[in-house]
């Protein structure tokens, strides 16, 4: 009997031995699959996070460029307004000579005008649609203000219309600032 029992016992162990490698194989495959899926999911999450970071950095760069351009508009306008009003005062001051008025115009006003035009050009390139629309409104008023300095012999400086145009120009710039305040954080 012991031979039969041993033979039977060996058979039982043999079938268990055959089952164990299959179970181990399936467990190994399942573990590999879980590992691969985890790695894939991790890679996707890292990719997504890097894309989000890249987009946030790009948005921040655009925001910084716009903020700089909008600041150039405001600073350029304030400088333009100061120099234009200075030139205006030289044109209307009875004690100022023609040479002094022309010097103020050429040395102060013209560079301020050019700087503002450059700031407007930059804003047209990098600004939002709203900012570009405001720049389109500024340009005719800036040209109108500048036109008051072009005097023929015997002409007088039209202070009232100049002041009115400068006031409208200031209102447009103020409106621009309000719009871009909402756009740029």
Protein backbone atom coordinates (compact mmCIF):
# COMPACT_ATOMS: atom_id res chain seq x y z
CA UNK A 1 0.00 0.00 0.00
CA UNK A 2 2.69 2.30 0.65
CA UNK A 3 3.71 2.05 -2.94
CA UNK A 4 0.21 2.94 -4.07
CA UNK A 5 -0.01 5.73 -1.55
CA UNK A 6 3.36 7.01 -2.55
CA UNK A 7 2.47 6.77 -6.20
CA UNK A 8 -0.79 8.56 -5.54
CA UNK A 9 0.96 11.16 -3.43
CA UNK A 10 3.53 11.75 -6.10
CA UNK A 11 0.79 12.16 -8.68
CA UNK A 12 -0.90 14.77 -6.51
CA UNK A 13 2.27 16.71 -6.05
CA UNK A 14 3.00 16.43 -9.71
CA UNK A 15 -0.31 18.02 -10.68
CA UNK A 16 0.19 20.75 -8.15
CA UNK A 17 3.65 21.31 -9.52
CA UNK A 18 2.16 21.65 -13.00
CA UNK A 19 -0.46 24.11 -11.73
CA UNK A 20 2.07 26.28 -9.92
CA UNK A 21 4.08 27.29 -12.97
CA UNK A 22 0.86 28.30 -14.79
CA UNK A 23 -0.31 30.39 -11.85
CA UNK A 24 3.11 31.96 -11.51
CA UNK A 25 3.17 32.67 -15.23
CA UNK A 26 -0.26 34.33 -15.11
CA UNK A 27 0.68 36.29 -12.02
CA UNK A 28 3.90 37.43 -13.71
CA UNK A 29 1.99 38.44 -16.85
CA UNK A 30 -0.64 40.27 -14.81
CA UNK A 31 2.10 42.05 -12.84
CA UNK A 32 3.87 43.03 -16.04
CA UNK A 33 0.63 44.30 -17.53
CA UNK A 34 -0.17 46.30 -14.42
CA UNK A 35 3.37 47.70 -14.43
CA UNK A 36 3.15 48.62 -18.11
CA UNK A 37 -0.24 50.30 -17.65
CA UNK A 38 1.01 52.17 -14.59
CA UNK A 39 4.09 53.32 -16.51
CA UNK A 40 1.97 54.39 -19.46
CA UNK A 41 -0.45 56.29 -17.23
CA UNK A 42 2.46 57.92 -15.41
CA UNK A 43 4.08 58.92 -18.70
CA UNK A 44 0.81 60.40 -19.93
CA UNK A 45 0.35 62.37 -16.71
CA UNK A 46 3.91 63.70 -16.89
CA UNK A 47 3.38 64.65 -20.55
CA UNK A 48 0.09 66.38 -19.74
CA UNK A 49 1.66 68.23 -16.83
CA UNK A 50 4.59 69.40 -18.99
CA UNK A 51 2.20 70.57 -21.71
CA UNK A 52 0.16 72.50 -19.13
CA UNK A 53 3.35 74.04 -17.77
CA UNK A 54 4.54 74.95 -21.26
CA UNK A 55 1.19 76.57 -22.10
CA UNK A 56 1.16 78.50 -18.84
CA UNK A 57 4.71 79.73 -19.50
CA UNK A 58 3.77 80.76 -23.05
CA UNK A 59 0.68 82.59 -21.77
CA UNK A 60 2.84 84.33 -19.17
CA UNK A 61 5.36 85.42 -21.84
CA UNK A 62 2.57 86.80 -24.02
CA UNK A 63 1.09 88.59 -21.02
CA UNK A 64 4.49 90.11 -20.18
CA UNK A 65 5.03 91.27 -23.77
CA UNK A 66 1.57 92.83 -23.88
CA UNK A 67 2.03 94.44 -20.48
CA UNK A 68 5.29 95.97 -21.67
CA UNK A 69 3.73 97.23 -24.90
CA UNK A 70 0.75 98.69 -23.06
CA UNK A 71 3.07 100.38 -20.56
CA UNK A 72 5.02 101.86 -23.49
CA UNK A 73 1.76 103.29 -24.84
CA UNK A 74 0.84 104.91 -21.53
CA UNK A 75 4.35 106.23 -20.87
CA UNK A 76 4.71 107.32 -24.50
CA UNK A 77 1.42 109.16 -24.37
CA UNK A 78 2.29 110.94 -21.14
CA UNK A 79 5.62 112.02 -22.61
CA UNK A 80 3.93 113.03 -25.87
CA UNK A 81 1.31 115.04 -24.00
CA UNK A 82 3.95 116.79 -21.88
CA UNK A 83 6.11 117.69 -24.87
CA UNK A 84 3.15 118.67 -27.05
CA UNK A 85 1.81 120.95 -24.33
CA UNK A 86 5.31 122.36 -23.86
CA UNK A 87 5.54 123.08 -27.60
CA UNK A 88 2.04 124.57 -27.49
CA UNK A 89 3.09 126.90 -24.69
CA UNK A 90 6.11 128.05 -26.70
CA UNK A 91 3.95 128.71 -29.75
CA UNK A 92 1.47 130.86 -27.83
CA UNK A 93 3.82 132.60 -25.39
CA UNK A 94 4.32 136.18 -26.55
CA UNK A 95 7.85 136.31 -25.08
CA UNK A 96 9.00 133.10 -26.84
CA UNK A 97 10.93 133.53 -30.03
CA UNK A 98 10.23 131.57 -33.20
CA UNK A 99 13.58 129.85 -32.71
CA UNK A 100 12.67 128.72 -29.16
CA UNK A 101 9.30 127.42 -30.32
CA UNK A 102 10.88 125.49 -33.19
CA UNK A 103 13.58 124.11 -30.91
CA UNK A 104 10.98 122.86 -28.42
CA UNK A 105 9.02 121.34 -31.28
CA UNK A 106 11.99 119.66 -32.99
CA UNK A 107 13.99 118.63 -29.94
CA UNK A 108 11.20 117.55 -27.60
CA UNK A 109 7.88 117.11 -29.37
CA UNK A 110 9.03 115.25 -32.51
CA UNK A 111 10.98 112.53 -30.58
CA UNK A 112 8.00 112.06 -28.22
CA UNK A 113 5.68 111.76 -31.25
CA UNK A 114 7.96 109.15 -32.83
CA UNK A 115 8.26 107.15 -29.60
CA UNK A 116 4.48 107.04 -29.27
CA UNK A 117 4.11 105.91 -32.90
CA UNK A 118 6.62 103.09 -32.21
CA UNK A 119 4.73 102.03 -29.08
CA UNK A 120 1.50 102.01 -31.06
CA UNK A 121 3.09 99.86 -33.78
CA UNK A 122 4.27 97.34 -31.18
CA UNK A 123 0.82 97.24 -29.58
CA UNK A 124 -0.75 96.60 -32.98
CA UNK A 125 1.55 93.60 -33.36
CA UNK A 126 1.19 92.02 -29.92
CA UNK A 127 -2.00 93.51 -28.49
CA UNK A 128 -5.44 92.02 -28.32
CA UNK A 129 -8.18 92.98 -30.76
CA UNK A 130 -9.53 95.44 -28.20
CA UNK A 131 -6.10 97.09 -27.83
CA UNK A 132 -5.70 97.35 -31.62
CA UNK A 133 -9.13 98.98 -31.89
CA UNK A 134 -8.10 101.58 -29.31
CA UNK A 135 -4.87 102.29 -31.21
CA UNK A 136 -6.92 102.89 -34.37
CA UNK A 137 -8.91 105.51 -32.46
CA UNK A 138 -5.74 107.16 -31.12
CA UNK A 139 -3.97 107.67 -34.43
CA UNK A 140 -6.30 110.30 -35.97
CA UNK A 141 -6.31 112.32 -32.76
CA UNK A 142 -2.55 112.17 -32.50
CA UNK A 143 -2.31 113.41 -36.08
CA UNK A 144 -4.86 116.13 -35.38
CA UNK A 145 -2.85 117.33 -32.37
CA UNK A 146 0.32 117.32 -34.48
CA UNK A 147 -1.42 119.21 -37.25
CA UNK A 148 -1.88 122.26 -35.02
CA UNK A 149 1.88 122.77 -35.02
CA UNK A 150 2.02 123.15 -38.79
CA UNK A 151 1.60 126.87 -39.23
CA UNK A 152 1.94 128.95 -42.34
CA UNK A 153 3.24 132.49 -42.12
CA UNK A 154 0.66 134.64 -40.45
CA UNK A 155 -1.25 131.71 -38.96
CA UNK A 156 -1.87 131.58 -35.27
CA UNK A 157 -1.84 128.54 -33.01
CA UNK A 158 -5.44 127.39 -32.46
CA UNK A 159 -5.28 126.78 -28.71
CA UNK A 160 -8.97 125.99 -28.28
CA UNK A 161 -9.11 123.28 -30.94
CA UNK A 162 -5.71 121.92 -29.87
CA UNK A 163 -6.91 121.61 -26.27
CA UNK A 164 -10.12 119.93 -27.43
CA UNK A 165 -8.20 117.40 -29.55
CA UNK A 166 -5.75 116.71 -26.70
CA UNK A 167 -8.66 116.17 -24.32
CA UNK A 168 -10.26 113.64 -26.70
CA UNK A 169 -6.89 111.95 -27.16
CA UNK A 170 -6.48 111.71 -23.38
CA UNK A 171 -9.96 110.18 -23.06
CA UNK A 172 -9.13 107.55 -25.70
CA UNK A 173 -5.90 106.64 -23.89
CA UNK A 174 -7.75 106.46 -20.57
CA UNK A 175 -10.33 104.17 -22.18
CA UNK A 176 -7.49 102.05 -23.57
CA UNK A 177 -5.99 101.72 -20.08
CA UNK A 178 -9.32 100.61 -18.63
CA UNK A 179 -9.72 97.95 -21.32
CA UNK A 180 -6.23 96.55 -20.97
CA UNK A 181 -6.45 96.57 -17.18
CA UNK A 182 -9.12 93.91 -17.56
CA UNK A 183 -7.02 91.90 -20.05
CA UNK A 184 -3.63 91.89 -18.37
CA UNK A 185 -3.29 90.60 -14.85
